[in-house]
Amino acid sequence: MTDGRETQELVRRCIDRLPEVYRSVLILRDIEDLDTAEAAEMLAITPNAAKIQLHRARQALKTLIGREGCLL
């Protein structure tokens, strides 16, 4: 079992392995807590595209965490 700090480090490493397009939207929405419109504007994409990329980013992160055994 890992403590909170180790868990954060493991998740951060997995985030760092995401493709840039996924990493950017994930950080803006889930870490910096911007809303969809703000994130989309910063990324110069539509809000719908931001939602799609965020969904894909979360799925990719979940897969990476599972594959790497990050939180198991």
PDB file of N, CA and C in Angstrom:
ATOM      1  N   MET A   1       0.845  -1.185   0.000  1.00  0.00           N
ATOM      2  CA  MET A   1       0.000   0.000   0.000  1.00  0.00           C
ATOM      3  C   MET A   1       0.887   1.243   0.000  1.00  0.00           C
ATOM      4  N   THR A   2       0.448   2.261  -0.696  1.00  0.00           N
ATOM      5  CA  THR A   2       1.242   3.485  -0.802  1.00  0.00           C
ATOM      6  C   THR A   2       0.593   4.587   0.024  1.00  0.00           C
ATOM      7  N   ASP A   3       1.417   5.520   0.472  1.00  0.00           N
ATOM      8  CA  ASP A   3       0.849   6.676   1.167  1.00  0.00           C
ATOM      9  C   ASP A   3       0.440   7.721   0.131  1.00  0.00           C
ATOM     10  N   GLY A   4      -0.155   8.813   0.598  1.00  0.00           N
ATOM     11  CA  GLY A   4      -0.668   9.836  -0.310  1.00  0.00           C
ATOM     12  C   GLY A   4       0.387  10.436  -1.212  1.00  0.00           C
ATOM     13  N   ARG A   5       1.551  10.691  -0.657  1.00  0.00           N
ATOM     14  CA  ARG A   5       2.621  11.303  -1.456  1.00  0.00           C
ATOM     15  C   ARG A   5       3.085  10.354  -2.561  1.00  0.00           C
ATOM     16  N   GLU A   6       3.264   9.084  -2.233  1.00  0.00           N
ATOM     17  CA  GLU A   6       3.680   8.103  -3.243  1.00  0.00           C
ATOM     18  C   GLU A   6       2.622   7.977  -4.332  1.00  0.00           C
ATOM     19  N   THR A   7       1.361   7.987  -3.926  1.00  0.00           N
ATOM     20  CA  THR A   7       0.275   7.899  -4.896  1.00  0.00           C
ATOM     21  C   THR A   7       0.309   9.088  -5.844  1.00  0.00           C
ATOM     22  N   GLN A   8       0.490  10.288  -5.297  1.00  0.00           N
ATOM     23  CA  GLN A   8       0.574  11.486  -6.138  1.00  0.00           C
ATOM     24  C   GLN A   8       1.732  11.390  -7.118  1.00  0.00           C
ATOM     25  N   GLU A   9       2.865  10.921  -6.659  1.00  0.00           N
ATOM     26  CA  GLU A   9       4.038  10.793  -7.534  1.00  0.00           C
ATOM     27  C   GLU A   9       3.782   9.781  -8.651  1.00  0.00           C
ATOM     28  N   LEU A  10       3.137   8.685  -8.312  1.00  0.00           N
ATOM     29  CA  LEU A  10       2.849   7.658  -9.314  1.00  0.00           C
ATOM     30  C   LEU A  10       1.868   8.178 -10.363  1.00  0.00           C
ATOM     31  N   VAL A  11       0.831   8.854  -9.909  1.00  0.00           N
ATOM     32  CA  VAL A  11      -0.147   9.412 -10.855  1.00  0.00           C
ATOM     33  C   VAL A  11       0.521  10.470 -11.727  1.00  0.00           C
ATOM     34  N   ARG A  12       1.351  11.295 -11.127  1.00  0.00           N
ATOM     35  CA  ARG A  12       2.048  12.338 -11.885  1.00  0.00           C
ATOM     36  C   ARG A  12       2.937  11.730 -12.968  1.00  0.00           C
ATOM     37  N   ARG A  13       3.632  10.652 -12.626  1.00  0.00           N
ATOM     38  CA  ARG A  13       4.470   9.988 -13.636  1.00  0.00           C
ATOM     39  C   ARG A  13       3.614   9.444 -14.776  1.00  0.00           C
ATOM     40  N   CYS A  14       2.469   8.896 -14.440  1.00  0.00           N
ATOM     41  CA  CYS A  14       1.580   8.387 -15.490  1.00  0.00           C
ATOM     42  C   CYS A  14       1.046   9.535 -16.342  1.00  0.00           C
ATOM     43  N   ILE A  15       0.686  10.655 -15.724  1.00  0.00           N
ATOM     44  CA  ILE A  15       0.231  11.824 -16.479  1.00  0.00           C
ATOM     45  C   ILE A  15       1.328  12.297 -17.425  1.00  0.00           C
ATOM     46  N   ASP A  16       2.551  12.312 -16.941  1.00  0.00           N
ATOM     47  CA  ASP A  16       3.675  12.760 -17.771  1.00  0.00           C
ATOM     48  C   ASP A  16       3.876  11.877 -19.000  1.00  0.00           C
ATOM     49  N   ARG A  17       3.399  10.653 -18.963  1.00  0.00           N
ATOM     50  CA  ARG A  17       3.554   9.735 -20.091  1.00  0.00           C
ATOM     51  C   ARG A  17       2.448   9.882 -21.131  1.00  0.00           C
ATOM     52  N   LEU A  18       1.424  10.650 -20.816  1.00  0.00           N
ATOM     53  CA  LEU A  18       0.333  10.857 -21.775  1.00  0.00           C
ATOM     54  C   LEU A  18       0.818  11.704 -22.945  1.00  0.00           C
ATOM     55  N   PRO A  19       0.203  11.517 -24.121  1.00  0.00           N
ATOM     56  CA  PRO A  19       0.505  12.413 -25.243  1.00  0.00           C
ATOM     57  C   PRO A  19       0.181  13.856 -24.856  1.00  0.00           C
ATOM     58  N   GLU A  20       0.906  14.796 -25.390  1.00  0.00           N
ATOM     59  CA  GLU A  20       0.756  16.212 -25.030  1.00  0.00           C
ATOM     60  C   GLU A  20      -0.689  16.694 -25.129  1.00  0.00           C
ATOM     61  N   VAL A  21      -1.392  16.314 -26.159  1.00  0.00           N
ATOM     62  CA  VAL A  21      -2.766  16.780 -26.357  1.00  0.00           C
ATOM     63  C   VAL A  21      -3.661  16.338 -25.202  1.00  0.00           C
ATOM     64  N   TYR A  22      -3.457  15.143 -24.694  1.00  0.00           N
ATOM     65  CA  TYR A  22      -4.230  14.648 -23.555  1.00  0.00           C
ATOM     66  C   TYR A  22      -3.736  15.260 -22.251  1.00  0.00           C
ATOM     67  N   ARG A  23      -2.444  15.323 -22.097  1.00  0.00           N
ATOM     68  CA  ARG A  23      -1.857  15.851 -20.862  1.00  0.00           C
ATOM     69  C   ARG A  23      -2.315  17.296 -20.628  1.00  0.00           C
ATOM     70  N   SER A  24      -2.302  18.108 -21.661  1.00  0.00           N
ATOM     71  CA  SER A  24      -2.670  19.521 -21.533  1.00  0.00           C
ATOM     72  C   SER A  24      -4.094  19.698 -21.028  1.00  0.00           C
ATOM     73  N   VAL A  25      -5.029  19.042 -21.664  1.00  0.00           N
ATOM     74  CA  VAL A  25      -6.428  19.213 -21.274  1.00  0.00           C
ATOM     75  C   VAL A  25      -6.677  18.618 -19.889  1.00  0.00           C
ATOM     76  N   LEU A  26      -6.049  17.515 -19.576  1.00  0.00           N
ATOM     77  CA  LEU A  26      -6.209  16.891 -18.262  1.00  0.00           C
ATOM     78  C   LEU A  26      -5.694  17.811 -17.147  1.00  0.00           C
ATOM     79  N   ILE A  27      -4.546  18.402 -17.366  1.00  0.00           N
ATOM     80  CA  ILE A  27      -3.970  19.305 -16.359  1.00  0.00           C
ATOM     81  C   ILE A  27      -4.852  20.544 -16.183  1.00  0.00           C
ATOM     82  N   LEU A  28      -5.293  21.131 -17.281  1.00  0.00           N
ATOM     83  CA  LEU A  28      -6.124  22.326 -17.184  1.00  0.00           C
ATOM     84  C   LEU A  28      -7.440  22.050 -16.465  1.00  0.00           C
ATOM     85  N   ARG A  29      -8.079  20.938 -16.781  1.00  0.00           N
ATOM     86  CA  ARG A  29      -9.396  20.647 -16.203  1.00  0.00           C
ATOM     87  C   ARG A  29      -9.308  20.019 -14.813  1.00  0.00           C
ATOM     88  N   ASP A  30      -8.465  19.015 -14.643  1.00  0.00           N
ATOM     89  CA  ASP A  30      -8.480  18.248 -13.404  1.00  0.00           C
ATOM     90  C   ASP A  30      -7.476  18.709 -12.355  1.00  0.00           C
ATOM     91  N   ILE A  31      -6.443  19.389 -12.762  1.00  0.00           N
ATOM     92  CA  ILE A  31      -5.453  19.844 -11.792  1.00  0.00           C
ATOM     93  C   ILE A  31      -5.608  21.342 -11.536  1.00  0.00           C
ATOM     94  N   GLU A  32      -5.702  22.123 -12.612  1.00  0.00           N
ATOM     95  CA  GLU A  32      -5.862  23.569 -12.443  1.00  0.00           C
ATOM     96  C   GLU A  32      -7.321  23.961 -12.261  1.00  0.00           C
ATOM     97  N   ASP A  33      -8.223  23.018 -12.434  1.00  0.00           N
ATOM     98  CA  ASP A  33      -9.655  23.181 -12.158  1.00  0.00           C
ATOM     99  C   ASP A  33     -10.327  24.273 -12.990  1.00  0.00           C
ATOM    100  N   LEU A  34      -9.883  24.423 -14.241  1.00  0.00           N
ATOM    101  CA  LEU A  34     -10.561  25.350 -15.146  1.00  0.00           C
ATOM    102  C   LEU A  34     -11.834  24.698 -15.659  1.00  0.00           C
ATOM    103  N   ASP A  35     -12.811  25.507 -16.041  1.00  0.00           N
ATOM    104  CA  ASP A  35     -13.998  24.909 -16.645  1.00  0.00           C
ATOM    105  C   ASP A  35     -13.715  24.589 -18.113  1.00  0.00           C
ATOM    106  N   THR A  36     -14.635  23.892 -18.736  1.00  0.00           N
ATOM    107  CA  THR A  36     -14.425  23.424 -20.107  1.00  0.00           C
ATOM    108  C   THR A  36     -14.175  24.575 -21.073  1.00  0.00           C
ATOM    109  N   ALA A  37     -14.958  25.639 -20.963  1.00  0.00           N
ATOM    110  CA  ALA A  37     -14.808  26.773 -21.878  1.00  0.00           C
ATOM    111  C   ALA A  37     -13.431  27.425 -21.729  1.00  0.00           C
ATOM    112  N   GLU A  38     -12.972  27.585 -20.488  1.00  0.00           N
ATOM    113  CA  GLU A  38     -11.654  28.191 -20.257  1.00  0.00           C
ATOM    114  C   GLU A  38     -10.533  27.317 -20.818  1.00  0.00           C
ATOM    115  N   ALA A  39     -10.620  26.021 -20.564  1.00  0.00           N
ATOM    116  CA  ALA A  39      -9.602  25.098 -21.071  1.00  0.00           C
ATOM    117  C   ALA A  39      -9.594  25.099 -22.595  1.00  0.00           C
ATOM    118  N   ALA A  40     -10.774  25.060 -23.184  1.00  0.00           N
ATOM    119  CA  ALA A  40     -10.877  25.063 -24.642  1.00  0.00           C
ATOM    120  C   ALA A  40     -10.257  26.323 -25.234  1.00  0.00           C
ATOM    121  N   GLU A  41     -10.533  27.459 -24.621  1.00  0.00           N
ATOM    122  CA  GLU A  41      -9.974  28.723 -25.112  1.00  0.00           C
ATOM    123  C   GLU A  41      -8.446  28.706 -25.034  1.00  0.00           C
ATOM    124  N   MET A  42      -7.907  28.229 -23.929  1.00  0.00           N
ATOM    125  CA  MET A  42      -6.452  28.177 -23.774  1.00  0.00           C
ATOM    126  C   MET A  42      -5.806  27.238 -24.783  1.00  0.00           C
ATOM    127  N   LEU A  43      -6.532  26.181 -25.159  1.00  0.00           N
ATOM    128  CA  LEU A  43      -6.000  25.203 -26.104  1.00  0.00           C
ATOM    129  C   LEU A  43      -6.375  25.525 -27.552  1.00  0.00           C
ATOM    130  N   ALA A  44      -7.140  26.580 -27.743  1.00  0.00           N
ATOM    131  CA  ALA A  44      -7.594  27.005 -29.077  1.00  0.00           C
ATOM    132  C   ALA A  44      -8.377  25.903 -29.782  1.00  0.00           C
ATOM    133  N   ILE A  45      -9.287  25.283 -29.018  1.00  0.00           N
ATOM    134  CA  ILE A  45     -10.174  24.249 -29.564  1.00  0.00           C
ATOM    135  C   ILE A  45     -11.592  24.561 -29.101  1.00  0.00           C
ATOM    136  N   THR A  46     -12.555  23.867 -29.663  1.00  0.00           N
ATOM    137  CA  THR A  46     -13.943  24.072 -29.244  1.00  0.00           C
ATOM    138  C   THR A  46     -14.178  23.393 -27.888  1.00  0.00           C
ATOM    139  N   PRO A  47     -15.181  23.862 -27.157  1.00  0.00           N
ATOM    140  CA  PRO A  47     -15.509  23.192 -25.900  1.00  0.00           C
ATOM    141  C   PRO A  47     -15.844  21.711 -26.094  1.00  0.00           C
ATOM    142  N   ASN A  48     -16.515  21.375 -27.182  1.00  0.00           N
ATOM    143  CA  ASN A  48     -16.836  19.973 -27.439  1.00  0.00           C
ATOM    144  C   ASN A  48     -15.558  19.153 -27.656  1.00  0.00           C
ATOM    145  N   ALA A  49     -14.610  19.702 -28.403  1.00  0.00           N
ATOM    146  CA  ALA A  49     -13.333  19.009 -28.614  1.00  0.00           C
ATOM    147  C   ALA A  49     -12.606  18.831 -27.287  1.00  0.00           C
ATOM    148  N   ALA A  50     -12.690  19.834 -26.408  1.00  0.00           N
ATOM    149  CA  ALA A  50     -12.047  19.729 -25.095  1.00  0.00           C
ATOM    150  C   ALA A  50     -12.670  18.597 -24.282  1.00  0.00           C
ATOM    151  N   LYS A  51     -13.992  18.478 -24.339  1.00  0.00           N
ATOM    152  CA  LYS A  51     -14.676  17.396 -23.618  1.00  0.00           C
ATOM    153  C   LYS A  51     -14.236  16.035 -24.134  1.00  0.00           C
ATOM    154  N   ILE A  52     -14.153  15.910 -25.446  1.00  0.00           N
ATOM    155  CA  ILE A  52     -13.748  14.643 -26.057  1.00  0.00           C
ATOM    156  C   ILE A  52     -12.306  14.311 -25.668  1.00  0.00           C
ATOM    157  N   GLN A  53     -11.418  15.287 -25.771  1.00  0.00           N
ATOM    158  CA  GLN A  53     -10.015  15.048 -25.421  1.00  0.00           C
ATOM    159  C   GLN A  53      -9.864  14.713 -23.944  1.00  0.00           C
ATOM    160  N   LEU A  54     -10.644  15.380 -23.084  1.00  0.00           N
ATOM    161  CA  LEU A  54     -10.570  15.093 -21.660  1.00  0.00           C
ATOM    162  C   LEU A  54     -11.025  13.667 -21.376  1.00  0.00           C
ATOM    163  N   HIS A  55     -12.102  13.254 -22.003  1.00  0.00           N
ATOM    164  CA  HIS A  55     -12.584  11.882 -21.823  1.00  0.00           C
ATOM    165  C   HIS A  55     -11.512  10.879 -22.253  1.00  0.00           C
ATOM    166  N   ARG A  56     -10.928  11.116 -23.405  1.00  0.00           N
ATOM    167  CA  ARG A  56      -9.872  10.216 -23.898  1.00  0.00           C
ATOM    168  C   ARG A  56      -8.646  10.249 -22.992  1.00  0.00           C
ATOM    169  N   ALA A  57      -8.320  11.430 -22.485  1.00  0.00           N
ATOM    170  CA  ALA A  57      -7.170  11.559 -21.581  1.00  0.00           C
ATOM    171  C   ALA A  57      -7.398  10.768 -20.302  1.00  0.00           C
ATOM    172  N   ARG A  58      -8.592  10.868 -19.748  1.00  0.00           N
ATOM    173  CA  ARG A  58      -8.898  10.127 -18.519  1.00  0.00           C
ATOM    174  C   ARG A  58      -8.852   8.629 -18.758  1.00  0.00           C
ATOM    175  N   GLN A  59      -9.369   8.197 -19.898  1.00  0.00           N
ATOM    176  CA  GLN A  59      -9.326   6.767 -20.228  1.00  0.00           C
ATOM    177  C   GLN A  59      -7.879   6.290 -20.402  1.00  0.00           C
ATOM    178  N   ALA A  60      -7.073   7.091 -21.086  1.00  0.00           N
ATOM    179  CA  ALA A  60      -5.668   6.731 -21.292  1.00  0.00           C
ATOM    180  C   ALA A  60      -4.928   6.680 -19.961  1.00  0.00           C
ATOM    181  N   LEU A  61      -5.212   7.642 -19.081  1.00  0.00           N
ATOM    182  CA  LEU A  61      -4.568   7.658 -17.769  1.00  0.00           C
ATOM    183  C   LEU A  61      -4.974   6.433 -16.958  1.00  0.00           C
ATOM    184  N   LYS A  62      -6.243   6.095 -16.993  1.00  0.00           N
ATOM    185  CA  LYS A  62      -6.726   4.905 -16.292  1.00  0.00           C
ATOM    186  C   LYS A  62      -6.013   3.656 -16.800  1.00  0.00           C
ATOM    187  N   THR A  63      -5.856   3.555 -18.097  1.00  0.00           N
ATOM    188  CA  THR A  63      -5.154   2.418 -18.694  1.00  0.00           C
ATOM    189  C   THR A  63      -3.697   2.376 -18.250  1.00  0.00           C
ATOM    190  N   LEU A  64      -3.029   3.522 -18.285  1.00  0.00           N
ATOM    191  CA  LEU A  64      -1.626   3.584 -17.851  1.00  0.00           C
ATOM    192  C   LEU A  64      -1.475   3.191 -16.386  1.00  0.00           C
ATOM    193  N   ILE A  65      -2.341   3.715 -15.552  1.00  0.00           N
ATOM    194  CA  ILE A  65      -2.263   3.387 -14.126  1.00  0.00           C
ATOM    195  C   ILE A  65      -2.467   1.900 -13.922  1.00  0.00           C
ATOM    196  N   GLY A  66      -3.428   1.334 -14.619  1.00  0.00           N
ATOM    197  CA  GLY A  66      -3.667  -0.106 -14.506  1.00  0.00           C
ATOM    198  C   GLY A  66      -2.496  -0.930 -15.012  1.00  0.00           C
ATOM    199  N   ARG A  67      -1.946  -0.537 -16.139  1.00  0.00           N
ATOM    200  CA  ARG A  67      -0.830  -1.272 -16.740  1.00  0.00           C
ATOM    201  C   ARG A  67       0.421  -1.193 -15.873  1.00  0.00           C
ATOM    202  N   GLU A  68       0.666  -0.021 -15.325  1.00  0.00           N
ATOM    203  CA  GLU A  68       1.856   0.175 -14.517  1.00  0.00           C
ATOM    204  C   GLU A  68       1.655  -0.292 -13.083  1.00  0.00           C
ATOM    205  N   GLY A  69       0.438  -0.659 -12.740  1.00  0.00           N
ATOM    206  CA  GLY A  69       0.164  -1.075 -11.373  1.00  0.00           C
ATOM    207  C   GLY A  69       0.339   0.064 -10.397  1.00  0.00           C
ATOM    208  N   CYS A  70       0.143   1.263 -10.896  1.00  0.00           N
ATOM    209  CA  CYS A  70       0.442   2.450 -10.097  1.00  0.00           C
ATOM    210  C   CYS A  70      -0.311   2.500  -8.770  1.00  0.00           C
ATOM    211  N   LEU A  71      -1.542   2.136  -8.740  1.00  0.00           N
ATOM    212  CA  LEU A  71      -2.281   2.292  -7.494  1.00  0.00           C
ATOM    213  C   LEU A  71      -2.718   0.970  -6.903  1.00  0.00           C
ATOM    214  N   LEU A  72      -2.115  -0.085  -7.354  1.00  0.00           N
ATOM    215  CA  LEU A  72      -2.522  -1.407  -6.849  1.00  0.00           C
ATOM    216  C   LEU A  72      -1.682  -1.839  -5.671  1.00  0.00           C
TER     217      LEU A  72
END
